[in-house]
Amino acid sequence: MMKILVSALILLVLAAGGAAYYFYAQTQKLTNDPQAGAQEEVEALVVEIGKLIVLPEGETPTVATVSDPERLKDQPFFANAKAGDKVLLYSTARKAYLYDPVAKKLIEVAPLNIGGPTPTSNVQ
């Protein structure tokens, strides 16, 4: 009985030490490179959404999270958005994707209009 108790205690101490080291290493990683966590999230989202639709290649999107969908309801792109939905913006490809990470569904895809108005030609 005593040997089992001692073995369990040693196992518990080793597990706690391993967990402490893991979290310490993760903290150091984020301290040294604060953007690493954000970059990993972007890469994971691109892989996940890439299974649903062909995404533009050769460009890393800007990712935003919908926090207050009520403020965005007047914009058609965000009509079905919920808090926590992700928006991927591809500025070079000029595309925007609205994704629900909980349901794992693509909600909306739209052209992205950024910058000033595009020049128009004089047609006579």
C-alpha atoms as a PDB file:
ATOM      1  CA  MET A   1       0.000   0.000   0.000  1.00  0.00           C
ATOM      2  CA  MET A   2       2.798   2.383   0.925  1.00  0.00           C
ATOM      3  CA  LYS A   3       4.661   1.659  -2.351  1.00  0.00           C
ATOM      4  CA  ILE A   4       1.552   2.483  -4.401  1.00  0.00           C
ATOM      5  CA  LEU A   5       1.068   5.745  -2.496  1.00  0.00           C
ATOM      6  CA  VAL A   6       4.709   6.762  -2.975  1.00  0.00           C
ATOM      7  CA  SER A   7       4.593   5.817  -6.676  1.00  0.00           C
ATOM      8  CA  ALA A   8       1.401   7.829  -7.184  1.00  0.00           C
ATOM      9  CA  LEU A   9       2.940  10.815  -5.382  1.00  0.00           C
ATOM     10  CA  ILE A  10       6.074  10.656  -7.535  1.00  0.00           C
ATOM     11  CA  LEU A  11       3.962  10.375 -10.678  1.00  0.00           C
ATOM     12  CA  LEU A  12       1.885  13.367  -9.594  1.00  0.00           C
ATOM     13  CA  VAL A  13       4.995  15.474  -8.919  1.00  0.00           C
ATOM     14  CA  LEU A  14       6.452  14.554 -12.328  1.00  0.00           C
ATOM     15  CA  ALA A  15       3.197  15.412 -14.096  1.00  0.00           C
ATOM     16  CA  ALA A  16       2.965  18.759 -12.291  1.00  0.00           C
ATOM     17  CA  GLY A  17       6.595  19.511 -13.159  1.00  0.00           C
ATOM     18  CA  GLY A  18       6.020  18.649 -16.803  1.00  0.00           C
ATOM     19  CA  ALA A  19       2.932  20.864 -16.964  1.00  0.00           C
ATOM     20  CA  ALA A  20       4.795  23.733 -15.296  1.00  0.00           C
ATOM     21  CA  TYR A  21       7.661  23.431 -17.785  1.00  0.00           C
ATOM     22  CA  TYR A  22       5.253  23.347 -20.740  1.00  0.00           C
ATOM     23  CA  PHE A  23       3.462  26.524 -19.649  1.00  0.00           C
ATOM     24  CA  TYR A  24       6.774  28.230 -18.844  1.00  0.00           C
ATOM     25  CA  ALA A  25       8.070  27.399 -22.348  1.00  0.00           C
ATOM     26  CA  GLN A  26       4.859  28.715 -23.947  1.00  0.00           C
ATOM     27  CA  THR A  27       5.110  31.946 -21.947  1.00  0.00           C
ATOM     28  CA  GLN A  28       8.739  32.416 -22.996  1.00  0.00           C
ATOM     29  CA  LYS A  29       7.811  31.773 -26.629  1.00  0.00           C
ATOM     30  CA  LEU A  30       5.122  34.474 -26.520  1.00  0.00           C
ATOM     31  CA  THR A  31       7.433  36.860 -24.678  1.00  0.00           C
ATOM     32  CA  ASN A  32      10.164  36.471 -27.295  1.00  0.00           C
ATOM     33  CA  ASP A  33       7.769  36.638 -30.270  1.00  0.00           C
ATOM     34  CA  PRO A  34       4.390  38.186 -29.391  1.00  0.00           C
ATOM     35  CA  GLN A  35       3.150  37.817 -32.972  1.00  0.00           C
ATOM     36  CA  ALA A  36       3.746  34.033 -32.999  1.00  0.00           C
ATOM     37  CA  GLY A  37       0.350  33.243 -31.474  1.00  0.00           C
ATOM     38  CA  ALA A  38      -1.462  35.511 -33.913  1.00  0.00           C
ATOM     39  CA  GLN A  39       0.465  34.068 -36.867  1.00  0.00           C
ATOM     40  CA  GLU A  40      -0.390  30.516 -35.781  1.00  0.00           C
ATOM     41  CA  GLU A  41      -4.081  31.486 -35.565  1.00  0.00           C
ATOM     42  CA  VAL A  42      -4.008  32.964 -39.076  1.00  0.00           C
ATOM     43  CA  GLU A  43      -2.315  29.858 -40.487  1.00  0.00           C
ATOM     44  CA  ALA A  44      -4.831  27.557 -38.763  1.00  0.00           C
ATOM     45  CA  LEU A  45      -7.761  29.606 -40.094  1.00  0.00           C
ATOM     46  CA  VAL A  46      -6.372  29.576 -43.641  1.00  0.00           C
ATOM     47  CA  VAL A  47      -6.024  25.774 -43.503  1.00  0.00           C
ATOM     48  CA  GLU A  48      -9.516  25.350 -42.025  1.00  0.00           C
ATOM     49  CA  ILE A  49     -11.247  27.700 -44.476  1.00  0.00           C
ATOM     50  CA  GLY A  50      -9.132  26.380 -47.345  1.00  0.00           C
ATOM     51  CA  LYS A  51     -10.960  23.062 -46.929  1.00  0.00           C
ATOM     52  CA  LEU A  52     -14.233  24.839 -47.755  1.00  0.00           C
ATOM     53  CA  ILE A  53     -13.209  27.199 -50.569  1.00  0.00           C
ATOM     54  CA  VAL A  54     -10.171  27.999 -52.682  1.00  0.00           C
ATOM     55  CA  LEU A  55      -8.379  30.927 -51.051  1.00  0.00           C
ATOM     56  CA  PRO A  56      -5.977  33.350 -52.748  1.00  0.00           C
ATOM     57  CA  GLU A  57      -2.397  32.072 -52.747  1.00  0.00           C
ATOM     58  CA  GLY A  58       0.799  33.966 -52.118  1.00  0.00           C
ATOM     59  CA  GLU A  59      -0.799  36.363 -49.655  1.00  0.00           C
ATOM     60  CA  THR A  60      -1.287  36.254 -45.898  1.00  0.00           C
ATOM     61  CA  PRO A  61      -4.693  37.632 -44.958  1.00  0.00           C
ATOM     62  CA  THR A  62      -5.459  40.140 -42.265  1.00  0.00           C
ATOM     63  CA  VAL A  63      -7.768  38.507 -39.711  1.00  0.00           C
ATOM     64  CA  ALA A  64     -10.338  40.326 -37.608  1.00  0.00           C
ATOM     65  CA  THR A  65     -12.887  39.018 -35.123  1.00  0.00           C
ATOM     66  CA  VAL A  66     -16.469  40.258 -35.040  1.00  0.00           C
ATOM     67  CA  SER A  67     -17.054  41.576 -31.535  1.00  0.00           C
ATOM     68  CA  ASP A  68     -20.275  43.585 -31.876  1.00  0.00           C
ATOM     69  CA  PRO A  69     -22.400  42.346 -34.786  1.00  0.00           C
ATOM     70  CA  GLU A  70     -25.194  44.835 -34.014  1.00  0.00           C
ATOM     71  CA  ARG A  71     -22.954  47.715 -35.092  1.00  0.00           C
ATOM     72  CA  LEU A  72     -22.359  45.975 -38.427  1.00  0.00           C
ATOM     73  CA  LYS A  73     -25.920  44.890 -39.280  1.00  0.00           C
ATOM     74  CA  ASP A  74     -26.433  47.770 -41.754  1.00  0.00           C
ATOM     75  CA  GLN A  75     -23.631  46.332 -43.934  1.00  0.00           C
ATOM     76  CA  PRO A  76     -24.869  43.459 -46.129  1.00  0.00           C
ATOM     77  CA  PHE A  77     -21.616  41.511 -45.727  1.00  0.00           C
ATOM     78  CA  PHE A  78     -22.197  41.283 -41.965  1.00  0.00           C
ATOM     79  CA  ALA A  79     -25.973  40.649 -42.068  1.00  0.00           C
ATOM     80  CA  ASN A  80     -25.567  37.093 -40.707  1.00  0.00           C
ATOM     81  CA  ALA A  81     -22.490  37.721 -38.556  1.00  0.00           C
ATOM     82  CA  LYS A  82     -22.288  36.659 -34.922  1.00  0.00           C
ATOM     83  CA  ALA A  83     -19.856  37.627 -32.183  1.00  0.00           C
ATOM     84  CA  GLY A  84     -16.715  35.541 -32.565  1.00  0.00           C
ATOM     85  CA  ASP A  85     -16.962  35.135 -36.339  1.00  0.00           C
ATOM     86  CA  LYS A  86     -13.692  35.682 -38.209  1.00  0.00           C
ATOM     87  CA  VAL A  87     -13.131  37.972 -41.177  1.00  0.00           C
ATOM     88  CA  LEU A  88     -10.241  37.230 -43.527  1.00  0.00           C
ATOM     89  CA  LEU A  89      -9.211  40.169 -45.696  1.00  0.00           C
ATOM     90  CA  TYR A  90      -7.023  39.604 -48.739  1.00  0.00           C
ATOM     91  CA  SER A  91      -6.013  43.090 -49.892  1.00  0.00           C
ATOM     92  CA  THR A  92      -4.075  42.055 -53.017  1.00  0.00           C
ATOM     93  CA  ALA A  93      -6.727  39.595 -54.198  1.00  0.00           C
ATOM     94  CA  ARG A  94      -9.406  42.071 -53.051  1.00  0.00           C
ATOM     95  CA  LYS A  95     -11.569  39.457 -51.345  1.00  0.00           C
ATOM     96  CA  ALA A  96     -13.189  39.225 -47.925  1.00  0.00           C
ATOM     97  CA  TYR A  97     -14.401  36.050 -46.229  1.00  0.00           C
ATOM     98  CA  LEU A  98     -16.729  35.823 -43.211  1.00  0.00           C
ATOM     99  CA  TYR A  99     -16.279  32.541 -41.345  1.00  0.00           C
ATOM    100  CA  ASP A 100     -18.058  30.990 -38.357  1.00  0.00           C
ATOM    101  CA  PRO A 101     -15.381  28.980 -36.495  1.00  0.00           C
ATOM    102  CA  VAL A 102     -17.947  27.325 -34.203  1.00  0.00           C
ATOM    103  CA  ALA A 103     -20.164  25.955 -36.981  1.00  0.00           C
ATOM    104  CA  LYS A 104     -17.120  25.664 -39.281  1.00  0.00           C
ATOM    105  CA  LYS A 105     -19.073  27.323 -42.084  1.00  0.00           C
ATOM    106  CA  LEU A 106     -18.257  30.036 -44.560  1.00  0.00           C
ATOM    107  CA  ILE A 107     -20.965  32.671 -44.075  1.00  0.00           C
ATOM    108  CA  GLU A 108     -20.155  35.245 -46.756  1.00  0.00           C
ATOM    109  CA  VAL A 109     -17.642  36.011 -49.510  1.00  0.00           C
ATOM    110  CA  ALA A 110     -17.432  39.440 -51.107  1.00  0.00           C
ATOM    111  CA  PRO A 111     -15.110  41.621 -53.163  1.00  0.00           C
ATOM    112  CA  LEU A 112     -13.001  43.927 -51.034  1.00  0.00           C
ATOM    113  CA  ASN A 113     -13.069  47.604 -51.971  1.00  0.00           C
ATOM    114  CA  ILE A 114     -10.220  49.424 -50.280  1.00  0.00           C
ATOM    115  CA  GLY A 115      -8.604  52.734 -50.986  1.00  0.00           C
ATOM    116  CA  GLY A 116     -10.018  55.574 -53.002  1.00  0.00           C
ATOM    117  CA  PRO A 117     -12.414  55.373 -55.889  1.00  0.00           C
ATOM    118  CA  THR A 118     -11.112  53.647 -58.990  1.00  0.00           C
ATOM    119  CA  PRO A 119     -10.453  55.919 -61.965  1.00  0.00           C
ATOM    120  CA  THR A 120     -13.078  55.826 -64.682  1.00  0.00           C
ATOM    121  CA  SER A 121     -12.363  56.192 -68.376  1.00  0.00           C
ATOM    122  CA  ASN A 122     -13.907  58.909 -70.472  1.00  0.00           C
ATOM    123  CA  VAL A 123     -16.134  57.128 -72.922  1.00  0.00           C
ATOM    124  CA  GLN A 124     -17.716  59.297 -75.581  1.00  0.00           C
END
